[in-house]
Amino acid sequence: MKIKKQAERLETFLEDEFKKKVPLAVLPDRSIVYKRFKISQNKQSQWCLRYLGGFDIDTFRLKTTAAIAAKHYDRSSLVKYNEVKLLDTNYWTAAVDAEIFKYRYDNTKDFDRKMLFLCRWELARDKANHYKSEITRMFKAAF
């Protein structure tokens, strides 16, 4: 059938276009290059957004948020850039809180404190999942 052949051609065309159009290049050292920006990990295990061969712009906890921020910084959309930076910080804070409360829940003997840590762990985990989904949504929209 001609429709099947055309559908297959369209599918391969879209896959080829996607391969050509993705503006992120991953280097062997796990760093990312986006246009004139490089995102690489520093000694503190944070992701630095910097100009290629130039100065550092900012640091992020997640590589994904650094890539989104690079796109907004390139477009001079500083409101969106600051939103991404805040989202990165909020996600990291919630994720660390969730880990702390989970550890305290597992290692506490007192029942009342155990229930308190369980509640706090669930709240922090839900916040972290919310921020994670927001970051995922922003990444899909940006790239």
C-alpha atoms as a PDB file:
ATOM      1  CA  MET A   1       0.000   0.000   0.000  1.00  0.00           C
ATOM      2  CA  LYS A   2       1.150   3.512  -0.752  1.00  0.00           C
ATOM      3  CA  ILE A   3      -0.107   4.813   2.580  1.00  0.00           C
ATOM      4  CA  LYS A   4       2.157   2.458   4.521  1.00  0.00           C
ATOM      5  CA  LYS A   5       5.187   3.461   2.457  1.00  0.00           C
ATOM      6  CA  GLN A   6       4.412   7.139   2.899  1.00  0.00           C
ATOM      7  CA  ALA A   7       3.940   6.659   6.632  1.00  0.00           C
ATOM      8  CA  GLU A   8       7.295   4.886   6.868  1.00  0.00           C
ATOM      9  CA  ARG A   9       8.985   7.653   4.857  1.00  0.00           C
ATOM     10  CA  LEU A  10       7.436  10.284   7.090  1.00  0.00           C
ATOM     11  CA  GLU A  11       8.562   8.396  10.187  1.00  0.00           C
ATOM     12  CA  THR A  12      12.152   8.125   8.976  1.00  0.00           C
ATOM     13  CA  PHE A  13      12.089  11.770   7.886  1.00  0.00           C
ATOM     14  CA  LEU A  14      10.922  12.870  11.343  1.00  0.00           C
ATOM     15  CA  GLU A  15      13.568  10.745  13.053  1.00  0.00           C
ATOM     16  CA  ASP A  16      16.295  12.205  10.823  1.00  0.00           C
ATOM     17  CA  GLU A  17      15.050  15.745  11.441  1.00  0.00           C
ATOM     18  CA  PHE A  18      14.995  15.155  15.162  1.00  0.00           C
ATOM     19  CA  LYS A  19      18.574  13.917  15.051  1.00  0.00           C
ATOM     20  CA  LYS A  20      19.592  17.023  13.105  1.00  0.00           C
ATOM     21  CA  LYS A  21      17.546  19.550  15.083  1.00  0.00           C
ATOM     22  CA  VAL A  22      18.494  18.627  18.667  1.00  0.00           C
ATOM     23  CA  PRO A  23      20.847  21.453  19.621  1.00  0.00           C
ATOM     24  CA  LEU A  24      22.529  19.594  22.505  1.00  0.00           C
ATOM     25  CA  ALA A  25      25.832  17.850  21.930  1.00  0.00           C
ATOM     26  CA  VAL A  26      27.073  15.416  24.575  1.00  0.00           C
ATOM     27  CA  LEU A  27      30.854  15.241  24.957  1.00  0.00           C
ATOM     28  CA  PRO A  28      32.790  12.162  26.174  1.00  0.00           C
ATOM     29  CA  ASP A  29      33.388  13.771  29.594  1.00  0.00           C
ATOM     30  CA  ARG A  30      29.574  13.957  30.166  1.00  0.00           C
ATOM     31  CA  SER A  31      29.485  17.693  29.552  1.00  0.00           C
ATOM     32  CA  ILE A  32      26.968  19.282  27.182  1.00  0.00           C
ATOM     33  CA  VAL A  33      27.423  21.952  24.555  1.00  0.00           C
ATOM     34  CA  TYR A  34      24.492  24.144  23.561  1.00  0.00           C
ATOM     35  CA  LYS A  35      25.217  26.801  20.932  1.00  0.00           C
ATOM     36  CA  ARG A  36      27.911  28.960  22.563  1.00  0.00           C
ATOM     37  CA  PHE A  37      27.519  27.500  26.066  1.00  0.00           C
ATOM     38  CA  LYS A  38      29.141  24.540  27.784  1.00  0.00           C
ATOM     39  CA  ILE A  39      27.644  22.736  30.760  1.00  0.00           C
ATOM     40  CA  SER A  40      30.193  20.742  32.730  1.00  0.00           C
ATOM     41  CA  GLN A  41      30.536  19.384  36.236  1.00  0.00           C
ATOM     42  CA  ASN A  42      32.787  21.161  38.735  1.00  0.00           C
ATOM     43  CA  LYS A  43      34.622  19.811  41.798  1.00  0.00           C
ATOM     44  CA  GLN A  44      31.564  20.283  44.028  1.00  0.00           C
ATOM     45  CA  SER A  45      29.500  18.031  41.694  1.00  0.00           C
ATOM     46  CA  GLN A  46      27.421  20.947  40.489  1.00  0.00           C
ATOM     47  CA  TRP A  47      26.827  21.755  36.828  1.00  0.00           C
ATOM     48  CA  CYS A  48      28.462  24.980  35.637  1.00  0.00           C
ATOM     49  CA  LEU A  49      26.940  26.962  32.816  1.00  0.00           C
ATOM     50  CA  ARG A  50      29.688  28.874  31.037  1.00  0.00           C
ATOM     51  CA  TYR A  51      30.532  30.432  27.725  1.00  0.00           C
ATOM     52  CA  LEU A  52      32.738  28.295  25.494  1.00  0.00           C
ATOM     53  CA  GLY A  53      36.265  29.338  26.355  1.00  0.00           C
ATOM     54  CA  GLY A  54      34.939  32.044  28.627  1.00  0.00           C
ATOM     55  CA  PHE A  55      33.701  32.785  32.099  1.00  0.00           C
ATOM     56  CA  ASP A  56      31.192  30.974  34.311  1.00  0.00           C
ATOM     57  CA  ILE A  57      27.620  32.233  34.249  1.00  0.00           C
ATOM     58  CA  ASP A  58      25.997  30.192  37.028  1.00  0.00           C
ATOM     59  CA  THR A  59      25.905  26.784  38.721  1.00  0.00           C
ATOM     60  CA  PHE A  60      23.027  24.310  38.925  1.00  0.00           C
ATOM     61  CA  ARG A  61      22.417  21.098  40.832  1.00  0.00           C
ATOM     62  CA  LEU A  62      20.901  19.301  37.822  1.00  0.00           C
ATOM     63  CA  LYS A  63      22.252  18.991  34.303  1.00  0.00           C
ATOM     64  CA  THR A  64      18.742  19.228  32.889  1.00  0.00           C
ATOM     65  CA  THR A  65      17.998  22.565  34.518  1.00  0.00           C
ATOM     66  CA  ALA A  66      21.373  23.881  33.377  1.00  0.00           C
ATOM     67  CA  ALA A  67      20.502  22.978  29.775  1.00  0.00           C
ATOM     68  CA  ILE A  68      17.102  24.677  30.014  1.00  0.00           C
ATOM     69  CA  ALA A  69      18.711  27.733  31.598  1.00  0.00           C
ATOM     70  CA  ALA A  70      21.282  27.901  28.793  1.00  0.00           C
ATOM     71  CA  LYS A  71      18.487  28.124  26.256  1.00  0.00           C
ATOM     72  CA  HIS A  72      16.732  30.911  28.155  1.00  0.00           C
ATOM     73  CA  TYR A  73      20.004  32.761  28.780  1.00  0.00           C
ATOM     74  CA  ASP A  74      20.809  32.588  25.071  1.00  0.00           C
ATOM     75  CA  ARG A  75      17.439  34.140  24.270  1.00  0.00           C
ATOM     76  CA  SER A  76      17.940  36.796  26.998  1.00  0.00           C
ATOM     77  CA  SER A  77      14.779  35.621  28.710  1.00  0.00           C
ATOM     78  CA  LEU A  78      15.956  36.311  32.240  1.00  0.00           C
ATOM     79  CA  VAL A  79      12.533  35.842  33.837  1.00  0.00           C
ATOM     80  CA  LYS A  80      12.398  32.252  32.546  1.00  0.00           C
ATOM     81  CA  TYR A  81      16.078  31.801  33.458  1.00  0.00           C
ATOM     82  CA  ASN A  82      15.393  32.828  37.057  1.00  0.00           C
ATOM     83  CA  GLU A  83      12.345  30.564  37.136  1.00  0.00           C
ATOM     84  CA  VAL A  84      14.522  27.607  36.097  1.00  0.00           C
ATOM     85  CA  LYS A  85      17.134  28.520  38.710  1.00  0.00           C
ATOM     86  CA  LEU A  86      14.461  28.666  41.425  1.00  0.00           C
ATOM     87  CA  LEU A  87      12.983  25.358  40.269  1.00  0.00           C
ATOM     88  CA  ASP A  88      16.438  23.762  40.451  1.00  0.00           C
ATOM     89  CA  THR A  89      16.960  25.014  43.993  1.00  0.00           C
ATOM     90  CA  ASN A  90      13.476  23.994  45.148  1.00  0.00           C
ATOM     91  CA  TYR A  91      13.818  20.497  43.696  1.00  0.00           C
ATOM     92  CA  TRP A  92      17.197  19.959  45.304  1.00  0.00           C
ATOM     93  CA  THR A  93      15.993  21.202  48.690  1.00  0.00           C
ATOM     94  CA  ALA A  94      12.910  18.974  48.629  1.00  0.00           C
ATOM     95  CA  ALA A  95      14.912  15.925  47.510  1.00  0.00           C
ATOM     96  CA  VAL A  96      17.485  16.377  50.275  1.00  0.00           C
ATOM     97  CA  ASP A  97      14.740  16.895  52.871  1.00  0.00           C
ATOM     98  CA  ALA A  98      13.029  13.705  51.696  1.00  0.00           C
ATOM     99  CA  GLU A  99      16.247  11.723  52.132  1.00  0.00           C
ATOM    100  CA  ILE A 100      16.855  13.140  55.612  1.00  0.00           C
ATOM    101  CA  PHE A 101      13.329  12.411  56.824  1.00  0.00           C
ATOM    102  CA  LYS A 102      13.403   8.915  55.339  1.00  0.00           C
ATOM    103  CA  TYR A 103      16.645   8.193  57.203  1.00  0.00           C
ATOM    104  CA  ARG A 104      15.195   9.561  60.440  1.00  0.00           C
ATOM    105  CA  TYR A 105      12.012   7.542  59.944  1.00  0.00           C
ATOM    106  CA  ASP A 106      13.999   4.334  59.457  1.00  0.00           C
ATOM    107  CA  ASN A 107      16.254   4.912  62.483  1.00  0.00           C
ATOM    108  CA  THR A 108      13.839   6.291  65.099  1.00  0.00           C
ATOM    109  CA  LYS A 109      12.412   4.042  67.814  1.00  0.00           C
ATOM    110  CA  ASP A 110       9.836   6.444  69.311  1.00  0.00           C
ATOM    111  CA  PHE A 111       6.461   5.863  67.626  1.00  0.00           C
ATOM    112  CA  ASP A 112       5.308   9.500  67.711  1.00  0.00           C
ATOM    113  CA  ARG A 113       8.525  10.804  66.216  1.00  0.00           C
ATOM    114  CA  LYS A 114       8.459   7.989  63.658  1.00  0.00           C
ATOM    115  CA  MET A 115       4.978   9.056  62.485  1.00  0.00           C
ATOM    116  CA  LEU A 116       6.088  12.691  62.370  1.00  0.00           C
ATOM    117  CA  PHE A 117       9.092  11.802  60.211  1.00  0.00           C
ATOM    118  CA  LEU A 118       6.906   9.633  57.992  1.00  0.00           C
ATOM    119  CA  CYS A 119       4.541  12.559  57.385  1.00  0.00           C
ATOM    120  CA  ARG A 120       7.405  14.976  56.715  1.00  0.00           C
ATOM    121  CA  TRP A 121       9.073  12.438  54.391  1.00  0.00           C
ATOM    122  CA  GLU A 122       5.896  11.993  52.353  1.00  0.00           C
ATOM    123  CA  LEU A 123       5.397  15.751  52.049  1.00  0.00           C
ATOM    124  CA  ALA A 124       9.005  16.355  50.967  1.00  0.00           C
ATOM    125  CA  ARG A 125       8.886  13.417  48.533  1.00  0.00           C
ATOM    126  CA  ASP A 126       5.678  14.736  46.960  1.00  0.00           C
ATOM    127  CA  LYS A 127       7.191  18.209  46.615  1.00  0.00           C
ATOM    128  CA  ALA A 128      10.304  16.760  44.977  1.00  0.00           C
ATOM    129  CA  ASN A 129       8.156  14.739  42.555  1.00  0.00           C
ATOM    130  CA  HIS A 130       6.161  17.863  41.698  1.00  0.00           C
ATOM    131  CA  TYR A 131       9.312  19.861  40.959  1.00  0.00           C
ATOM    132  CA  LYS A 132      10.721  16.939  38.981  1.00  0.00           C
ATOM    133  CA  SER A 133       7.636  16.825  36.772  1.00  0.00           C
ATOM    134  CA  GLU A 134       7.852  20.606  36.251  1.00  0.00           C
ATOM    135  CA  ILE A 135      11.493  20.290  35.186  1.00  0.00           C
ATOM    136  CA  THR A 136      10.582  17.455  32.818  1.00  0.00           C
ATOM    137  CA  ARG A 137       7.743  19.486  31.328  1.00  0.00           C
ATOM    138  CA  MET A 138      10.013  22.510  30.822  1.00  0.00           C
ATOM    139  CA  PHE A 139      12.721  20.363  29.198  1.00  0.00           C
ATOM    140  CA  LYS A 140      10.248  18.814  26.769  1.00  0.00           C
ATOM    141  CA  ALA A 141       8.915  22.256  25.889  1.00  0.00           C
ATOM    142  CA  ALA A 142      12.394  23.725  25.433  1.00  0.00           C
ATOM    143  CA  PHE A 143      13.873  20.931  23.350  1.00  0.00           C
END
